[in-house]
Amino acid sequence: MQRTQISLTDEGRRALDAEAARTGRSLSALIRDAVEQVYGSARSADDDLASMRRAFGSWRDHDLDGAAWVERRRSGSRLAPRDP
């Protein structure tokens, strides 16, 4: 493991402190996990493709297409009940 020093915004530090308090994990562990998730080698194009294939067809039981559903959400009240 290699030691490094970083600078964080006050907001970023507060977010890390809150997550560390919530999970009991160290700031270093949280930062390592975030770096691995965003830049790490654990995620591959094959993983992304497999996720897309699993999601294919998941909207087929809806009456509206995706664009129409988004427009309905935008034009209505944010407190309106959601479609099932």
PDB file of N, CA and C in Angstrom:
ATOM      1  N   MET A   1       0.848  -1.161   0.000  1.00  0.00           N
ATOM      2  CA  MET A   1       0.000   0.000   0.000  1.00  0.00           C
ATOM      3  C   MET A   1       0.902   1.235   0.000  1.00  0.00           C
ATOM      4  N   GLN A   2       0.458   2.259  -0.703  1.00  0.00           N
ATOM      5  CA  GLN A   2       1.241   3.481  -0.809  1.00  0.00           C
ATOM      6  C   GLN A   2       0.509   4.630  -0.108  1.00  0.00           C
ATOM      7  N   ARG A   3       1.211   5.381   0.666  1.00  0.00           N
ATOM      8  CA  ARG A   3       0.625   6.505   1.398  1.00  0.00           C
ATOM      9  C   ARG A   3       0.615   7.738   0.500  1.00  0.00           C
ATOM     10  N   THR A   4      -0.484   8.502   0.557  1.00  0.00           N
ATOM     11  CA  THR A   4      -0.592   9.738  -0.216  1.00  0.00           C
ATOM     12  C   THR A   4      -1.357  10.771   0.586  1.00  0.00           C
ATOM     13  N   GLN A   5      -1.250  12.003   0.174  1.00  0.00           N
ATOM     14  CA  GLN A   5      -1.945  13.097   0.851  1.00  0.00           C
ATOM     15  C   GLN A   5      -2.879  13.747  -0.159  1.00  0.00           C
ATOM     16  N   ILE A   6      -4.120  14.047   0.272  1.00  0.00           N
ATOM     17  CA  ILE A   6      -5.087  14.689  -0.606  1.00  0.00           C
ATOM     18  C   ILE A   6      -5.685  15.900   0.093  1.00  0.00           C
ATOM     19  N   SER A   7      -6.243  16.788  -0.702  1.00  0.00           N
ATOM     20  CA  SER A   7      -6.985  17.934  -0.170  1.00  0.00           C
ATOM     21  C   SER A   7      -8.449  17.736  -0.514  1.00  0.00           C
ATOM     22  N   LEU A   8      -9.314  17.997   0.445  1.00  0.00           N
ATOM     23  CA  LEU A   8     -10.750  17.836   0.265  1.00  0.00           C
ATOM     24  C   LEU A   8     -11.448  19.167   0.514  1.00  0.00           C
ATOM     25  N   THR A   9     -12.573  19.360  -0.126  1.00  0.00           N
ATOM     26  CA  THR A   9     -13.408  20.508   0.214  1.00  0.00           C
ATOM     27  C   THR A   9     -14.005  20.258   1.591  1.00  0.00           C
ATOM     28  N   ASP A  10     -14.471  21.322   2.219  1.00  0.00           N
ATOM     29  CA  ASP A  10     -15.132  21.149   3.521  1.00  0.00           C
ATOM     30  C   ASP A  10     -16.329  20.218   3.391  1.00  0.00           C
ATOM     31  N   GLU A  11     -17.080  20.369   2.299  1.00  0.00           N
ATOM     32  CA  GLU A  11     -18.265  19.533   2.074  1.00  0.00           C
ATOM     33  C   GLU A  11     -17.871  18.068   1.889  1.00  0.00           C
ATOM     34  N   GLY A  12     -16.817  17.824   1.117  1.00  0.00           N
ATOM     35  CA  GLY A  12     -16.354  16.456   0.913  1.00  0.00           C
ATOM     36  C   GLY A  12     -15.887  15.815   2.206  1.00  0.00           C
ATOM     37  N   ARG A  13     -15.189  16.585   3.029  1.00  0.00           N
ATOM     38  CA  ARG A  13     -14.715  16.058   4.312  1.00  0.00           C
ATOM     39  C   ARG A  13     -15.886  15.744   5.234  1.00  0.00           C
ATOM     40  N   ARG A  14     -16.891  16.649   5.253  1.00  0.00           N
ATOM     41  CA  ARG A  14     -18.064  16.390   6.098  1.00  0.00           C
ATOM     42  C   ARG A  14     -18.776  15.114   5.642  1.00  0.00           C
ATOM     43  N   ALA A  15     -18.878  14.925   4.322  1.00  0.00           N
ATOM     44  CA  ALA A  15     -19.534  13.717   3.806  1.00  0.00           C
ATOM     45  C   ALA A  15     -18.771  12.464   4.219  1.00  0.00           C
ATOM     46  N   LEU A  16     -17.447  12.501   4.114  1.00  0.00           N
ATOM     47  CA  LEU A  16     -16.641  11.348   4.526  1.00  0.00           C
ATOM     48  C   LEU A  16     -16.735  11.101   6.023  1.00  0.00           C
ATOM     49  N   ASP A  17     -16.673  12.183   6.809  1.00  0.00           N
ATOM     50  CA  ASP A  17     -16.792  12.026   8.257  1.00  0.00           C
ATOM     51  C   ASP A  17     -18.126  11.399   8.638  1.00  0.00           C
ATOM     52  N   ALA A  18     -19.202  11.845   7.970  1.00  0.00           N
ATOM     53  CA  ALA A  18     -20.527  11.303   8.271  1.00  0.00           C
ATOM     54  C   ALA A  18     -20.607   9.822   7.907  1.00  0.00           C
ATOM     55  N   GLU A  19     -20.060   9.459   6.764  1.00  0.00           N
ATOM     56  CA  GLU A  19     -20.090   8.053   6.345  1.00  0.00           C
ATOM     57  C   GLU A  19     -19.217   7.193   7.261  1.00  0.00           C
ATOM     58  N   ALA A  20     -18.084   7.730   7.677  1.00  0.00           N
ATOM     59  CA  ALA A  20     -17.217   6.997   8.603  1.00  0.00           C
ATOM     60  C   ALA A  20     -17.931   6.768   9.932  1.00  0.00           C
ATOM     61  N   ALA A  21     -18.636   7.781  10.402  1.00  0.00           N
ATOM     62  CA  ALA A  21     -19.367   7.634  11.667  1.00  0.00           C
ATOM     63  C   ALA A  21     -20.509   6.631  11.521  1.00  0.00           C
ATOM     64  N   ARG A  22     -21.165   6.656  10.372  1.00  0.00           N
ATOM     65  CA  ARG A  22     -22.299   5.766  10.142  1.00  0.00           C
ATOM     66  C   ARG A  22     -21.849   4.312  10.012  1.00  0.00           C
ATOM     67  N   THR A  23     -20.722   4.095   9.333  1.00  0.00           N
ATOM     68  CA  THR A  23     -20.293   2.722   9.031  1.00  0.00           C
ATOM     69  C   THR A  23     -19.196   2.192   9.948  1.00  0.00           C
ATOM     70  N   GLY A  24     -18.524   3.109  10.672  1.00  0.00           N
ATOM     71  CA  GLY A  24     -17.406   2.679  11.492  1.00  0.00           C
ATOM     72  C   GLY A  24     -16.138   2.409  10.710  1.00  0.00           C
ATOM     73  N   ARG A  25     -16.112   2.818   9.460  1.00  0.00           N
ATOM     74  CA  ARG A  25     -14.937   2.602   8.607  1.00  0.00           C
ATOM     75  C   ARG A  25     -14.050   3.833   8.641  1.00  0.00           C
ATOM     76  N   SER A  26     -12.785   3.661   8.330  1.00  0.00           N
ATOM     77  CA  SER A  26     -11.840   4.779   8.329  1.00  0.00           C
ATOM     78  C   SER A  26     -12.012   5.608   7.054  1.00  0.00           C
ATOM     79  N   LEU A  27     -11.547   6.866   7.135  1.00  0.00           N
ATOM     80  CA  LEU A  27     -11.572   7.719   5.942  1.00  0.00           C
ATOM     81  C   LEU A  27     -10.758   7.078   4.822  1.00  0.00           C
ATOM     82  N   SER A  28      -9.613   6.516   5.175  1.00  0.00           N
ATOM     83  CA  SER A  28      -8.762   5.881   4.164  1.00  0.00           C
ATOM     84  C   SER A  28      -9.491   4.748   3.452  1.00  0.00           C
ATOM     85  N   ALA A  29     -10.189   3.923   4.206  1.00  0.00           N
ATOM     86  CA  ALA A  29     -10.922   2.807   3.597  1.00  0.00           C
ATOM     87  C   ALA A  29     -12.020   3.319   2.671  1.00  0.00           C
ATOM     88  N   LEU A  30     -12.725   4.360   3.108  1.00  0.00           N
ATOM     89  CA  LEU A  30     -13.786   4.921   2.263  1.00  0.00           C
ATOM     90  C   LEU A  30     -13.213   5.487   0.967  1.00  0.00           C
ATOM     91  N   ILE A  31     -12.093   6.183   1.065  1.00  0.00           N
ATOM     92  CA  ILE A  31     -11.474   6.764  -0.128  1.00  0.00           C
ATOM     93  C   ILE A  31     -10.958   5.663  -1.042  1.00  0.00           C
ATOM     94  N   ARG A  32     -10.316   4.633  -0.478  1.00  0.00           N
ATOM     95  CA  ARG A  32      -9.849   3.515  -1.316  1.00  0.00           C
ATOM     96  C   ARG A  32     -11.000   2.864  -2.056  1.00  0.00           C
ATOM     97  N   ASP A  33     -12.119   2.638  -1.360  1.00  0.00           N
ATOM     98  CA  ASP A  33     -13.286   2.030  -2.015  1.00  0.00           C
ATOM     99  C   ASP A  33     -13.810   2.907  -3.148  1.00  0.00           C
ATOM    100  N   ALA A  34     -13.875   4.224  -2.900  1.00  0.00           N
ATOM    101  CA  ALA A  34     -14.378   5.140  -3.932  1.00  0.00           C
ATOM    102  C   ALA A  34     -13.461   5.136  -5.155  1.00  0.00           C
ATOM    103  N   VAL A  35     -12.155   5.137  -4.934  1.00  0.00           N
ATOM    104  CA  VAL A  35     -11.204   5.115  -6.046  1.00  0.00           C
ATOM    105  C   VAL A  35     -11.344   3.813  -6.829  1.00  0.00           C
ATOM    106  N   GLU A  36     -11.454   2.709  -6.115  1.00  0.00           N
ATOM    107  CA  GLU A  36     -11.601   1.408  -6.793  1.00  0.00           C
ATOM    108  C   GLU A  36     -12.885   1.349  -7.603  1.00  0.00           C
ATOM    109  N   GLN A  37     -13.968   1.877  -7.028  1.00  0.00           N
ATOM    110  CA  GLN A  37     -15.253   1.841  -7.720  1.00  0.00           C
ATOM    111  C   GLN A  37     -15.235   2.681  -8.991  1.00  0.00           C
ATOM    112  N   VAL A  38     -14.621   3.847  -8.934  1.00  0.00           N
ATOM    113  CA  VAL A  38     -14.640   4.748 -10.085  1.00  0.00           C
ATOM    114  C   VAL A  38     -13.538   4.423 -11.083  1.00  0.00           C
ATOM    115  N   TYR A  39     -12.334   4.158 -10.605  1.00  0.00           N
ATOM    116  CA  TYR A  39     -11.185   4.005 -11.492  1.00  0.00           C
ATOM    117  C   TYR A  39     -10.599   2.608 -11.520  1.00  0.00           C
ATOM    118  N   GLY A  40     -11.068   1.734 -10.662  1.00  0.00           N
ATOM    119  CA  GLY A  40     -10.459   0.426 -10.513  1.00  0.00           C
ATOM    120  C   GLY A  40     -10.713  -0.513 -11.669  1.00  0.00           C
ATOM    121  N   SER A  41     -10.017  -1.605 -11.619  1.00  0.00           N
ATOM    122  CA  SER A  41     -10.106  -2.595 -12.683  1.00  0.00           C
ATOM    123  C   SER A  41     -11.229  -3.602 -12.458  1.00  0.00           C
ATOM    124  N   ALA A  42     -11.923  -3.484 -11.326  1.00  0.00           N
ATOM    125  CA  ALA A  42     -12.967  -4.458 -11.017  1.00  0.00           C
ATOM    126  C   ALA A  42     -14.120  -4.380 -12.010  1.00  0.00           C
ATOM    127  N   ARG A  43     -14.343  -3.221 -12.609  1.00  0.00           N
ATOM    128  CA  ARG A  43     -15.440  -3.050 -13.555  1.00  0.00           C
ATOM    129  C   ARG A  43     -14.896  -3.172 -14.974  1.00  0.00           C
ATOM    130  N   SER A  44     -15.574  -3.949 -15.794  1.00  0.00           N
ATOM    131  CA  SER A  44     -15.116  -4.154 -17.167  1.00  0.00           C
ATOM    132  C   SER A  44     -16.247  -3.884 -18.143  1.00  0.00           C
ATOM    133  N   ALA A  45     -15.903  -3.773 -19.390  1.00  0.00           N
ATOM    134  CA  ALA A  45     -16.910  -3.585 -20.437  1.00  0.00           C
ATOM    135  C   ALA A  45     -17.846  -4.793 -20.478  1.00  0.00           C
ATOM    136  N   ASP A  46     -17.313  -5.977 -20.215  1.00  0.00           N
ATOM    137  CA  ASP A  46     -18.149  -7.177 -20.199  1.00  0.00           C
ATOM    138  C   ASP A  46     -19.185  -7.110 -19.079  1.00  0.00           C
ATOM    139  N   ASP A  47     -18.787  -6.581 -17.907  1.00  0.00           N
ATOM    140  CA  ASP A  47     -19.730  -6.416 -16.800  1.00  0.00           C
ATOM    141  C   ASP A  47     -20.837  -5.438 -17.189  1.00  0.00           C
ATOM    142  N   ASP A  48     -20.449  -4.327 -17.814  1.00  0.00           N
ATOM    143  CA  ASP A  48     -21.438  -3.333 -18.246  1.00  0.00           C
ATOM    144  C   ASP A  48     -22.397  -3.929 -19.264  1.00  0.00           C
ATOM    145  N   LEU A  49     -21.876  -4.678 -20.219  1.00  0.00           N
ATOM    146  CA  LEU A  49     -22.714  -5.302 -21.241  1.00  0.00           C
ATOM    147  C   LEU A  49     -23.668  -6.315 -20.617  1.00  0.00           C
ATOM    148  N   ALA A  50     -23.191  -7.084 -19.666  1.00  0.00           N
ATOM    149  CA  ALA A  50     -24.050  -8.052 -18.987  1.00  0.00           C
ATOM    150  C   ALA A  50     -25.178  -7.343 -18.248  1.00  0.00           C
ATOM    151  N   SER A  51     -24.884  -6.213 -17.606  1.00  0.00           N
ATOM    152  CA  SER A  51     -25.923  -5.437 -16.915  1.00  0.00           C
ATOM    153  C   SER A  51     -26.967  -4.923 -17.900  1.00  0.00           C
ATOM    154  N   MET A  52     -26.522  -4.426 -19.036  1.00  0.00           N
ATOM    155  CA  MET A  52     -27.463  -3.933 -20.049  1.00  0.00           C
ATOM    156  C   MET A  52     -28.352  -5.070 -20.570  1.00  0.00           C
ATOM    157  N   ARG A  53     -27.773  -6.238 -20.784  1.00  0.00           N
ATOM    158  CA  ARG A  53     -28.559  -7.375 -21.260  1.00  0.00           C
ATOM    159  C   ARG A  53     -29.606  -7.806 -20.232  1.00  0.00           C
ATOM    160  N   ARG A  54     -29.246  -7.763 -18.947  1.00  0.00           N
ATOM    161  CA  ARG A  54     -30.217  -8.110 -17.897  1.00  0.00           C
ATOM    162  C   ARG A  54     -31.354  -7.099 -17.843  1.00  0.00           C
ATOM    163  N   ALA A  55     -31.056  -5.839 -18.124  1.00  0.00           N
ATOM    164  CA  ALA A  55     -32.075  -4.786 -18.059  1.00  0.00           C
ATOM    165  C   ALA A  55     -32.944  -4.734 -19.314  1.00  0.00           C
ATOM    166  N   PHE A  56     -32.499  -5.312 -20.401  1.00  0.00           N
ATOM    167  CA  PHE A  56     -33.236  -5.253 -21.658  1.00  0.00           C
ATOM    168  C   PHE A  56     -34.645  -5.810 -21.476  1.00  0.00           C
ATOM    169  N   GLY A  57     -35.624  -5.040 -21.918  1.00  0.00           N
ATOM    170  CA  GLY A  57     -37.017  -5.466 -21.855  1.00  0.00           C
ATOM    171  C   GLY A  57     -37.697  -5.165 -20.533  1.00  0.00           C
ATOM    172  N   SER A  58     -37.011  -4.539 -19.600  1.00  0.00           N
ATOM    173  CA  SER A  58     -37.603  -4.307 -18.277  1.00  0.00           C
ATOM    174  C   SER A  58     -38.743  -3.301 -18.309  1.00  0.00           C
ATOM    175  N   TRP A  59     -38.887  -2.551 -19.372  1.00  0.00           N
ATOM    176  CA  TRP A  59     -39.937  -1.539 -19.483  1.00  0.00           C
ATOM    177  C   TRP A  59     -41.136  -2.063 -20.277  1.00  0.00           C
ATOM    178  N   ARG A  60     -41.086  -3.275 -20.767  1.00  0.00           N
ATOM    179  CA  ARG A  60     -42.099  -3.766 -21.712  1.00  0.00           C
ATOM    180  C   ARG A  60     -43.519  -3.812 -21.146  1.00  0.00           C
ATOM    181  N   ASP A  61     -43.682  -3.881 -19.837  1.00  0.00           N
ATOM    182  CA  ASP A  61     -45.019  -3.957 -19.253  1.00  0.00           C
ATOM    183  C   ASP A  61     -45.641  -2.595 -18.967  1.00  0.00           C
ATOM    184  N   HIS A  62     -44.995  -1.516 -19.353  1.00  0.00           N
ATOM    185  CA  HIS A  62     -45.519  -0.168 -19.123  1.00  0.00           C
ATOM    186  C   HIS A  62     -46.312   0.306 -20.331  1.00  0.00           C
ATOM    187  N   ASP A  63     -47.370   1.077 -20.062  1.00  0.00           N
ATOM    188  CA  ASP A  63     -48.198   1.606 -21.143  1.00  0.00           C
ATOM    189  C   ASP A  63     -47.499   2.723 -21.911  1.00  0.00           C
ATOM    190  N   LEU A  64     -46.678   3.508 -21.230  1.00  0.00           N
ATOM    191  CA  LEU A  64     -45.977   4.631 -21.847  1.00  0.00           C
ATOM    192  C   LEU A  64     -44.563   4.231 -22.225  1.00  0.00           C
ATOM    193  N   ASP A  65     -44.033   4.889 -23.263  1.00  0.00           N
ATOM    194  CA  ASP A  65     -42.607   4.695 -23.506  1.00  0.00           C
ATOM    195  C   ASP A  65     -41.841   5.554 -22.507  1.00  0.00           C
ATOM    196  N   GLY A  66     -40.557   5.361 -22.397  1.00  0.00           N
ATOM    197  CA  GLY A  66     -39.749   6.052 -21.399  1.00  0.00           C
ATOM    198  C   GLY A  66     -39.809   7.565 -21.521  1.00  0.00           C
ATOM    199  N   ALA A  67     -39.754   8.087 -22.751  1.00  0.00           N
ATOM    200  CA  ALA A  67     -39.784   9.535 -22.956  1.00  0.00           C
ATOM    201  C   ALA A  67     -41.124  10.122 -22.500  1.00  0.00           C
ATOM    202  N   ALA A  68     -42.217   9.461 -22.820  1.00  0.00           N
ATOM    203  CA  ALA A  68     -43.537   9.947 -22.408  1.00  0.00           C
ATOM    204  C   ALA A  68     -43.678   9.907 -20.891  1.00  0.00           C
ATOM    205  N   TRP A  69     -43.137   8.878 -20.252  1.00  0.00           N
ATOM    206  CA  TRP A  69     -43.201   8.783 -18.795  1.00  0.00           C
ATOM    207  C   TRP A  69     -42.456   9.946 -18.148  1.00  0.00           C
ATOM    208  N   VAL A  70     -41.260  10.264 -18.682  1.00  0.00           N
ATOM    209  CA  VAL A  70     -40.479  11.375 -18.137  1.00  0.00           C
ATOM    210  C   VAL A  70     -41.243  12.679 -18.312  1.00  0.00           C
ATOM    211  N   GLU A  71     -41.840  12.896 -19.467  1.00  0.00           N
ATOM    212  CA  GLU A  71     -42.603  14.120 -19.694  1.00  0.00           C
ATOM    213  C   GLU A  71     -43.796  14.210 -18.745  1.00  0.00           C
ATOM    214  N   ARG A  72     -44.455  13.114 -18.478  1.00  0.00           N
ATOM    215  CA  ARG A  72     -45.570  13.118 -17.532  1.00  0.00           C
ATOM    216  C   ARG A  72     -45.080  13.534 -16.142  1.00  0.00           C
ATOM    217  N   ARG A  73     -43.945  13.026 -15.732  1.00  0.00           N
ATOM    218  CA  ARG A  73     -43.362  13.392 -14.441  1.00  0.00           C
ATOM    219  C   ARG A  73     -43.021  14.882 -14.405  1.00  0.00           C
ATOM    220  N   ARG A  74     -42.471  15.399 -15.489  1.00  0.00           N
ATOM    221  CA  ARG A  74     -42.052  16.798 -15.525  1.00  0.00           C
ATOM    222  C   ARG A  74     -43.233  17.746 -15.516  1.00  0.00           C
ATOM    223  N   SER A  75     -44.288  17.401 -16.227  1.00  0.00           N
ATOM    224  CA  SER A  75     -45.401  18.336 -16.386  1.00  0.00           C
ATOM    225  C   SER A  75     -46.379  18.286 -15.214  1.00  0.00           C
ATOM    226  N   GLY A  76     -46.333  17.239 -14.418  1.00  0.00           N
ATOM    227  CA  GLY A  76     -47.260  17.106 -13.299  1.00  0.00           C
ATOM    228  C   GLY A  76     -46.657  17.614 -12.013  1.00  0.00           C
ATOM    229  N   SER A  77     -47.426  17.516 -10.980  1.00  0.00           N
ATOM    230  CA  SER A  77     -46.957  17.897  -9.659  1.00  0.00           C
ATOM    231  C   SER A  77     -45.927  16.891  -9.175  1.00  0.00           C
ATOM    232  N   ARG A  78     -44.907  17.357  -8.500  1.00  0.00           N
ATOM    233  CA  ARG A  78     -43.905  16.447  -7.945  1.00  0.00           C
ATOM    234  C   ARG A  78     -44.497  15.596  -6.830  1.00  0.00           C
ATOM    235  N   LEU A  79     -45.660  16.002  -6.319  1.00  0.00           N
ATOM    236  CA  LEU A  79     -46.305  15.242  -5.257  1.00  0.00           C
ATOM    237  C   LEU A  79     -47.358  14.277  -5.783  1.00  0.00           C
ATOM    238  N   ALA A  80     -47.561  14.262  -7.094  1.00  0.00           N
ATOM    239  CA  ALA A  80     -48.563  13.381  -7.691  1.00  0.00           C
ATOM    240  C   ALA A  80     -48.144  11.922  -7.485  1.00  0.00           C
ATOM    241  N   PRO A  81     -49.111  11.031  -7.335  1.00  0.00           N
ATOM    242  CA  PRO A  81     -48.765   9.610  -7.182  1.00  0.00           C
ATOM    243  C   PRO A  81     -48.043   9.098  -8.414  1.00  0.00           C
ATOM    244  N   ARG A  82     -47.121   8.187  -8.193  1.00  0.00           N
ATOM    245  CA  ARG A  82     -46.338   7.615  -9.302  1.00  0.00           C
ATOM    246  C   ARG A  82     -47.103   6.459  -9.957  1.00  0.00           C
ATOM    247  N   ASP A  83     -46.800   6.235 -11.230  1.00  0.00           N
ATOM    248  CA  ASP A  83     -47.354   5.087 -11.939  1.00  0.00           C
ATOM    249  C   ASP A  83     -46.776   3.810 -11.342  1.00  0.00           C
ATOM    250  N   PRO A  84     -47.552   2.749 -11.277  1.00  0.00           N
ATOM    251  CA  PRO A  84     -47.020   1.470 -10.742  1.00  0.00           C
ATOM    252  C   PRO A  84     -45.953   0.876 -11.625  1.00  0.00           C
TER     253      PRO A  84
END
